[in-house]
Protein backbone atom coordinates (compact mmCIF):
# COMPACT_ATOMS: atom_id res chain seq x y z
CA UNK A 1 59.02 33.07 -42.46
CA UNK A 2 58.27 29.72 -44.13
CA UNK A 3 57.06 28.38 -40.80
CA UNK A 4 54.67 31.31 -40.41
CA UNK A 5 53.36 30.90 -43.96
CA UNK A 6 52.86 27.18 -43.43
CA UNK A 7 50.99 27.87 -40.17
CA UNK A 8 48.78 30.42 -41.92
CA UNK A 9 47.96 27.96 -44.70
CA UNK A 10 47.05 25.30 -42.18
CA UNK A 11 44.77 27.72 -40.31
CA UNK A 12 43.05 28.75 -43.54
CA UNK A 13 42.56 25.10 -44.49
CA UNK A 14 41.04 24.32 -41.10
CA UNK A 15 38.70 27.33 -41.23
CA UNK A 16 37.56 26.42 -44.74
CA UNK A 17 36.95 22.83 -43.66
CA UNK A 18 34.91 23.95 -40.68
CA UNK A 19 32.88 26.28 -42.91
CA UNK A 20 32.15 23.44 -45.31
CA UNK A 21 31.10 21.12 -42.46
CA UNK A 22 28.87 23.81 -40.96
CA UNK A 23 27.35 24.56 -44.36
CA UNK A 24 26.71 20.88 -44.98
CA UNK A 25 25.09 20.45 -41.59
CA UNK A 26 22.92 23.50 -42.12
CA UNK A 27 21.99 22.36 -45.60
CA UNK A 28 21.06 18.87 -44.41
CA UNK A 29 18.88 20.30 -41.65
CA UNK A 30 17.32 22.82 -44.00
CA UNK A 31 16.58 20.20 -46.64
CA UNK A 32 15.00 17.97 -43.98
CA UNK A 33 12.76 20.81 -42.82
CA UNK A 34 11.77 21.67 -46.39
CA UNK A 35 10.99 18.03 -47.11
CA UNK A 36 8.91 17.80 -43.93
CA UNK A 37 7.04 21.01 -44.76
CA UNK A 38 6.16 19.70 -48.22
CA UNK A 39 5.02 16.39 -46.76
CA UNK A 40 3.00 18.15 -44.02
CA UNK A 41 1.30 20.42 -46.57
CA UNK A 42 0.32 17.40 -48.66
CA UNK A 43 -0.98 15.66 -45.52
CA UNK A 44 -3.10 18.70 -44.63
CA UNK A 45 -4.65 18.72 -48.10
CA UNK A 46 -5.59 15.06 -47.72
CA UNK A 47 -7.09 15.77 -44.28
CA UNK A 48 -9.19 18.59 -45.70
CA UNK A 49 -10.61 16.31 -48.39
CA UNK A 50 -11.38 13.62 -45.84
CA UNK A 51 -13.08 16.08 -43.51
CA UNK A 52 -15.29 17.40 -46.30
CA UNK A 53 -16.17 13.82 -47.32
CA UNK A 54 -17.25 13.21 -43.72
CA UNK A 55 -19.77 16.03 -44.07
CA UNK A 56 -17.97 18.92 -42.40
CA UNK A 57 -18.70 22.20 -44.16
CA UNK A 58 -16.06 23.11 -46.73
CA UNK A 59 -15.86 26.73 -45.56
CA UNK A 60 -15.28 25.54 -41.98
CA UNK A 61 -12.54 23.18 -43.13
CA UNK A 62 -10.74 25.76 -45.27
CA UNK A 63 -10.92 28.38 -42.53
CA UNK A 64 -9.74 25.98 -39.80
CA UNK A 65 -6.69 24.88 -41.78
CA UNK A 66 -5.83 28.33 -43.08
CA UNK A 67 -3.30 28.99 -40.31
CA UNK A 68 -2.39 25.41 -39.44
CA UNK A 69 1.27 24.82 -38.60
CA UNK A 70 3.51 21.87 -37.79
CA UNK A 71 4.29 22.09 -34.06
CA UNK A 72 7.61 20.48 -33.20
CA UNK A 73 6.76 21.16 -29.54
CA UNK A 74 3.88 18.70 -29.73
CA UNK A 75 6.07 15.93 -31.12
CA UNK A 76 8.83 16.61 -28.61
CA UNK A 77 6.43 16.72 -25.65
CA UNK A 78 4.77 13.47 -26.73
CA UNK A 79 8.10 11.65 -26.89
CA UNK A 80 9.59 13.21 -23.77
CA UNK A 81 10.47 10.73 -21.03
CA UNK A 82 10.58 11.47 -17.28
CA UNK A 83 14.06 12.32 -16.02
CA UNK A 84 13.65 10.18 -12.93
CA UNK A 85 11.25 7.64 -11.49
CA UNK A 86 8.42 9.35 -9.67
CA UNK A 87 6.71 7.82 -6.68
CA UNK A 88 3.37 8.82 -5.22
CA UNK A 89 5.13 10.32 -2.21
CA UNK A 90 7.14 12.62 -4.49
CA UNK A 91 4.27 13.26 -6.93
CA UNK A 92 1.57 14.39 -4.49
CA UNK A 93 3.56 17.34 -3.02
CA UNK A 94 4.28 18.51 -6.58
CA UNK A 95 0.72 18.09 -7.86
CA UNK A 96 -0.98 19.36 -4.70
CA UNK A 97 1.31 21.83 -2.92
CA UNK A 98 0.02 23.89 0.00
CA UNK A 99 -0.51 26.96 -2.18
CA UNK A 100 -2.81 24.98 -4.49
CA UNK A 101 -4.83 23.72 -1.54
CA UNK A 102 -5.25 27.32 -0.37
CA UNK A 103 -6.32 28.45 -3.83
CA UNK A 104 -8.71 25.49 -4.14
CA UNK A 105 -10.43 26.42 -0.89
CA UNK A 106 -10.70 30.04 -2.03
CA UNK A 107 -12.13 28.97 -5.42
CA UNK A 108 -14.61 26.66 -3.70
CA UNK A 109 -15.79 29.47 -1.44
CA UNK A 110 -15.92 32.06 -4.23
CA UNK A 111 -18.07 29.82 -6.46
CA UNK A 112 -19.90 28.09 -3.61
CA UNK A 113 -23.52 28.78 -4.59
CA UNK A 114 -23.01 27.96 -8.28
CA UNK A 115 -21.11 24.79 -7.37
CA UNK A 116 -23.79 23.66 -4.92
CA UNK A 117 -26.50 24.18 -7.53
CA UNK A 118 -24.62 22.22 -10.18
CA UNK A 119 -23.58 19.55 -7.69
CA UNK A 120 -27.21 18.87 -6.74
CA UNK A 121 -28.40 18.86 -10.35
CA UNK A 122 -25.78 16.35 -11.48
CA UNK A 123 -25.27 14.35 -8.29
CA UNK A 124 -21.58 15.17 -7.92
CA UNK A 125 -19.95 16.57 -4.80
CA UNK A 126 -18.66 20.08 -5.65
CA UNK A 127 -15.28 19.46 -4.00
CA UNK A 128 -14.44 16.97 -6.75
CA UNK A 129 -15.35 19.46 -9.48
CA UNK A 130 -12.99 22.03 -7.93
CA UNK A 131 -10.27 19.42 -7.42
CA UNK A 132 -10.37 18.39 -11.08
CA UNK A 133 -10.35 22.05 -12.09
CA UNK A 134 -7.29 22.67 -9.94
CA UNK A 135 -5.31 19.62 -11.01
CA UNK A 136 -6.05 20.06 -14.72
CA UNK A 137 -5.45 23.79 -15.25
CA UNK A 138 -4.69 25.43 -11.91
CA UNK A 139 -8.25 26.78 -11.79
CA UNK A 140 -8.29 27.91 -15.41
CA UNK A 141 -4.93 29.67 -15.44
CA UNK A 142 -2.99 27.09 -17.48
CA UNK A 143 -5.17 25.94 -20.35
CA UNK A 144 -2.51 25.74 -23.07
CA UNK A 145 -1.38 28.15 -25.74
CA UNK A 146 -1.53 26.19 -28.99
CA UNK A 147 -4.07 26.35 -31.78
CA UNK A 148 -5.99 23.10 -31.31
CA UNK A 149 -6.18 22.28 -35.03
CA UNK A 150 -2.40 22.65 -35.35
CA UNK A 151 -1.78 20.43 -32.31
CA UNK A 152 -4.05 17.65 -33.51
CA UNK A 153 -2.90 17.83 -37.13
CA UNK A 154 0.72 17.61 -35.99
CA UNK A 155 0.01 14.59 -33.78
CA UNK A 156 -1.90 12.84 -36.56
CA UNK A 157 0.90 13.56 -39.04
CA UNK A 158 3.51 12.26 -36.60
CA UNK A 159 1.88 8.92 -37.16
CA UNK A 160 2.21 6.78 -34.07
CA UNK A 161 -1.45 7.27 -33.12
CA UNK A 162 -2.79 8.67 -36.36
CA UNK A 163 -6.27 7.13 -36.12
CA UNK A 164 -6.78 8.49 -32.60
CA UNK A 165 -5.71 12.02 -33.43
CA UNK A 166 -7.56 12.17 -36.74
CA UNK A 167 -10.72 11.31 -34.82
CA UNK A 168 -9.97 14.13 -32.39
CA UNK A 169 -9.19 16.51 -35.25
CA UNK A 170 -12.50 15.90 -37.02
CA UNK A 171 -14.29 16.37 -33.70
CA UNK A 172 -12.45 19.69 -33.30
CA UNK A 173 -13.66 20.80 -36.74
CA UNK A 174 -17.19 19.89 -35.70
CA UNK A 175 -16.85 22.11 -32.61
CA UNK A 176 -15.84 25.02 -34.83
CA UNK A 177 -18.69 24.31 -37.24
CA UNK A 178 -21.20 24.31 -34.38
CA UNK A 179 -20.01 27.77 -33.36
CA UNK A 180 -19.06 27.06 -29.74
CA UNK A 181 -15.72 28.85 -30.08
CA UNK A 182 -14.10 31.09 -32.66
CA UNK A 183 -10.94 30.00 -34.42
CA UNK A 184 -8.76 32.67 -32.82
CA UNK A 185 -9.76 31.48 -29.34
CA UNK A 186 -9.60 27.74 -30.11
CA UNK A 187 -6.57 27.20 -27.88
CA UNK A 188 -5.44 24.17 -25.91
CA UNK A 189 -2.53 21.97 -24.93
CA UNK A 190 0.17 20.55 -27.20
CA UNK A 191 -1.93 17.35 -27.46
CA UNK A 192 -5.22 19.12 -28.19
CA UNK A 193 -6.81 19.08 -24.72
CA UNK A 194 -9.01 22.13 -24.36
CA UNK A 195 -10.39 24.60 -21.88
CA UNK A 196 -10.42 24.80 -18.11
CA UNK A 197 -11.27 21.09 -17.78
CA UNK A 198 -8.92 19.97 -20.58
CA UNK A 199 -11.44 17.96 -22.59
CA UNK A 200 -10.24 16.31 -25.77
CA UNK A 201 -12.58 17.24 -28.65
CA UNK A 202 -14.53 13.95 -28.55
CA UNK A 203 -15.06 14.37 -24.80
CA UNK A 204 -16.23 17.90 -25.46
CA UNK A 205 -18.85 16.68 -27.93
CA UNK A 206 -20.00 13.97 -25.51
CA UNK A 207 -19.98 15.83 -22.20
CA UNK A 208 -19.68 19.63 -22.55
CA UNK A 209 -22.69 21.58 -21.28
CA UNK A 210 -24.16 24.96 -22.21
CA UNK A 211 -25.16 25.67 -18.61
CA UNK A 212 -25.93 29.37 -19.02
CA UNK A 213 -28.03 28.76 -22.13
CA UNK A 214 -26.24 31.20 -24.43
CA UNK A 215 -25.95 28.66 -27.25
CA UNK A 216 -22.25 27.93 -26.68
CA UNK A 217 -20.58 25.25 -24.56
CA UNK A 218 -17.84 27.54 -23.33
CA UNK A 219 -15.38 25.50 -21.28
CA UNK A 220 -12.76 28.19 -21.87
CA UNK A 221 -14.30 31.17 -20.09
CA UNK A 222 -17.74 30.52 -18.55
CA UNK A 223 -17.65 29.09 -14.99
CA UNK A 224 -21.12 27.52 -15.19
CA UNK A 225 -20.24 25.71 -18.42
CA UNK A 226 -16.88 24.62 -16.97
CA UNK A 227 -18.32 23.19 -13.74
CA UNK A 228 -21.39 21.61 -15.33
CA UNK A 229 -19.29 19.99 -18.06
CA UNK A 230 -16.99 18.39 -15.48
CA UNK A 231 -19.99 17.24 -13.42
CA UNK A 232 -21.76 15.88 -16.51
CA UNK A 233 -18.68 13.85 -17.44
CA UNK A 234 -18.44 12.30 -13.99
CA UNK A 235 -22.16 11.56 -13.71
CA UNK A 236 -22.38 10.08 -17.21
CA UNK A 237 -19.45 7.80 -16.45
CA UNK A 238 -21.15 6.47 -13.32
CA UNK A 239 -20.42 8.81 -10.42
CA UNK A 240 -22.42 8.17 -7.24
CA UNK A 241 -22.48 10.99 -4.69
CA UNK A 242 -23.87 8.68 -2.00
CA UNK A 243 -20.38 7.15 -1.66
CA UNK A 244 -16.88 8.49 -1.16
CA UNK A 245 -14.04 7.67 -3.53
CA UNK A 246 -12.30 5.11 -1.29
CA UNK A 247 -9.78 5.08 1.55
CA UNK A 248 -6.16 4.37 2.33
CA UNK A 249 -5.70 0.89 3.81
CA UNK A 250 -3.10 -1.54 5.13
CA UNK A 251 -2.39 -4.94 3.62
CA UNK A 252 -1.35 -8.10 5.44
CA UNK A 253 2.25 -9.17 4.89
CA UNK A 254 1.13 -12.20 2.84
CA UNK A 255 -1.23 -10.26 0.55
CA UNK A 256 -1.21 -11.54 -3.03
CA UNK A 257 -0.50 -8.51 -5.21
CA UNK A 258 -2.02 -10.33 -8.17
CA UNK A 259 -5.39 -9.46 -6.59
CA UNK A 260 -4.69 -5.73 -6.96
CA UNK A 261 -5.79 -3.59 -9.88
CA UNK A 262 -8.66 -1.27 -10.72
CA UNK A 263 -10.36 -3.93 -12.88
CA UNK A 264 -10.46 -6.51 -10.10
CA UNK A 265 -13.24 -6.08 -7.57
CA UNK A 266 -14.36 -7.79 -4.40
CA UNK A 267 -16.83 -6.88 -1.69
CA UNK A 268 -15.56 -5.16 1.45
CA UNK A 269 -16.45 -8.35 3.33
CA UNK A 270 -14.16 -10.35 1.05
CA UNK A 271 -11.30 -7.86 1.41
CA UNK A 272 -11.78 -7.96 5.17
CA UNK A 273 -11.48 -11.75 5.09
CA UNK A 274 -8.23 -11.41 3.13
CA UNK A 275 -6.74 -9.29 5.90
CA UNK A 276 -7.21 -5.80 4.46
CA UNK A 277 -7.78 -3.20 7.17
CA UNK A 278 -8.31 0.53 7.47
CA UNK A 279 -5.14 2.56 7.67
CA UNK A 280 -5.54 2.87 11.46
CA UNK A 281 -5.84 -0.91 11.77
CA UNK A 282 -9.59 -1.08 12.37
CA UNK A 283 -12.00 -3.29 10.41
CA UNK A 284 -13.37 -2.19 7.07
CA UNK A 285 -16.92 -0.78 6.96
CA UNK A 286 -19.51 -3.53 7.12
CA UNK A 287 -21.42 -2.48 4.00
CA UNK A 288 -22.30 -4.18 0.74
CA UNK A 289 -19.90 -2.36 -1.54
CA UNK A 290 -17.55 -3.47 -4.30
CA UNK A 291 -13.99 -2.14 -4.31
CA UNK A 292 -10.55 -2.64 -5.82
CA UNK A 293 -7.12 -2.64 -4.22
CA UNK A 294 -4.94 0.02 -5.84
CA UNK A 295 -1.17 -0.07 -5.35
CA UNK A 296 0.29 2.93 -7.25
CA UNK A 297 3.90 2.00 -6.44
CA UNK A 298 4.40 -1.21 -4.45
CA UNK A 299 3.20 -2.86 -1.24
CA UNK A 300 5.60 -0.72 0.79
CA UNK A 301 4.03 2.49 -0.51
CA UNK A 302 0.53 3.87 -0.20
CA UNK A 303 -2.30 1.40 -0.81
CA UNK A 304 -5.93 2.31 -1.43
CA UNK A 305 -9.28 0.58 -1.35
CA UNK A 306 -10.89 2.23 -4.36
CA UNK A 307 -14.66 2.44 -4.85
CA UNK A 308 -16.51 3.11 -8.09
CA UNK A 309 -16.00 6.88 -7.97
CA UNK A 310 -12.24 6.35 -8.09
CA UNK A 311 -12.76 4.21 -11.20
CA UNK A 312 -14.70 7.08 -12.77
CA UNK A 313 -11.72 9.40 -12.18
CA UNK A 314 -9.60 6.80 -13.96
CA UNK A 315 -11.88 7.21 -16.99
CA UNK A 316 -10.95 10.89 -17.01
CA UNK A 317 -7.24 10.13 -16.85
CA UNK A 318 -5.95 6.56 -16.68
CA UNK A 319 -3.38 7.27 -14.01
CA UNK A 320 -3.40 6.19 -10.37
CA UNK A 321 -1.33 9.26 -9.59
CA UNK A 322 -3.84 11.60 -11.22
CA UNK A 323 -6.87 10.01 -9.54
CA UNK A 324 -5.13 10.01 -6.16
CA UNK A 325 -4.11 13.66 -6.52
CA UNK A 326 -7.71 14.63 -7.28
CA UNK A 327 -9.07 12.72 -4.30
CA UNK A 328 -6.39 14.14 -2.00
CA UNK A 329 -7.13 17.72 -3.07
CA UNK A 330 -10.88 17.12 -2.76
CA UNK A 331 -10.44 16.14 0.88
CA UNK A 332 -8.20 19.09 1.68
CA UNK A 333 -10.76 21.48 0.17
CA UNK A 334 -13.36 20.67 2.84
CA UNK A 335 -11.07 19.92 5.78
CA UNK A 336 -11.30 22.02 7.84
CA UNK A 337 -14.89 22.92 6.84
CA UNK A 338 -15.37 26.13 4.87
CA UNK A 339 -17.86 28.58 6.31
CA UNK A 340 -19.93 30.40 3.69
CA UNK A 341 -22.40 33.10 4.71
């Protein structure tokens, strides 16, 4: 009987200890959340004052921040690291699977006449507009689900790139003040990228277009505004529709990789003299054109001779993988040719 009583006492002691530990853990977490919420609320009040001082209407500011929330998802996504090293050969099939190529061709054909009109007006081949649309948001299906003001406020509060995200936040408030979108539909990614072309707010203010003339630059729902905004971005950044984006090439075994990089340019004649050849082994085109050697992975992987249009895509997203995915999809859109009646 004494043994049983002793066992029972030990069990009770253990259970009480576990309860205390659990309570302490919960309390610590709760206190941390409360402390963060207080700090975040104070930060929002300071942002509101700063926005008003910058000339943004007080009613716009108060309304925009009325439902603002701290988004842990934004912080977690920003800090998330890849689980494994990606290579271009593993990235391209993920970014541009066969089903996306099929959908891209269907979207190109469905919007053919509008795309052709916009392409001619802005001097941008329509296939690149559709390719960007497909890579960014799967043709408008995946545009994000977070209130843009909450995303940007959270990222500014997080602090690592406060200046950058405060600039984006004030641009977002300007978009609301100009009446291009209502607050309830002001939705984007966890980082604040918006609409079917995923413009950050400053890009929106610089490049978005009211193509249908209704007074709103609607990159969320209006195809003409979406396509024209993408085309306007590319053209403004230096796109030239008289040239292609570049080509895959082969390097000589003794090629100096220090010559590679999007910021380093040489003429095609100079690259030819250094032993660079087309992928099939033939000479490079004999034209007066500047280009860069791009090596996304290493010399044993894919290598590209990138022209200025490829550099423009790098302005949109500073990633060789992104730019290459867009160019790859753009080529698959028109090969084989699409017949439109």
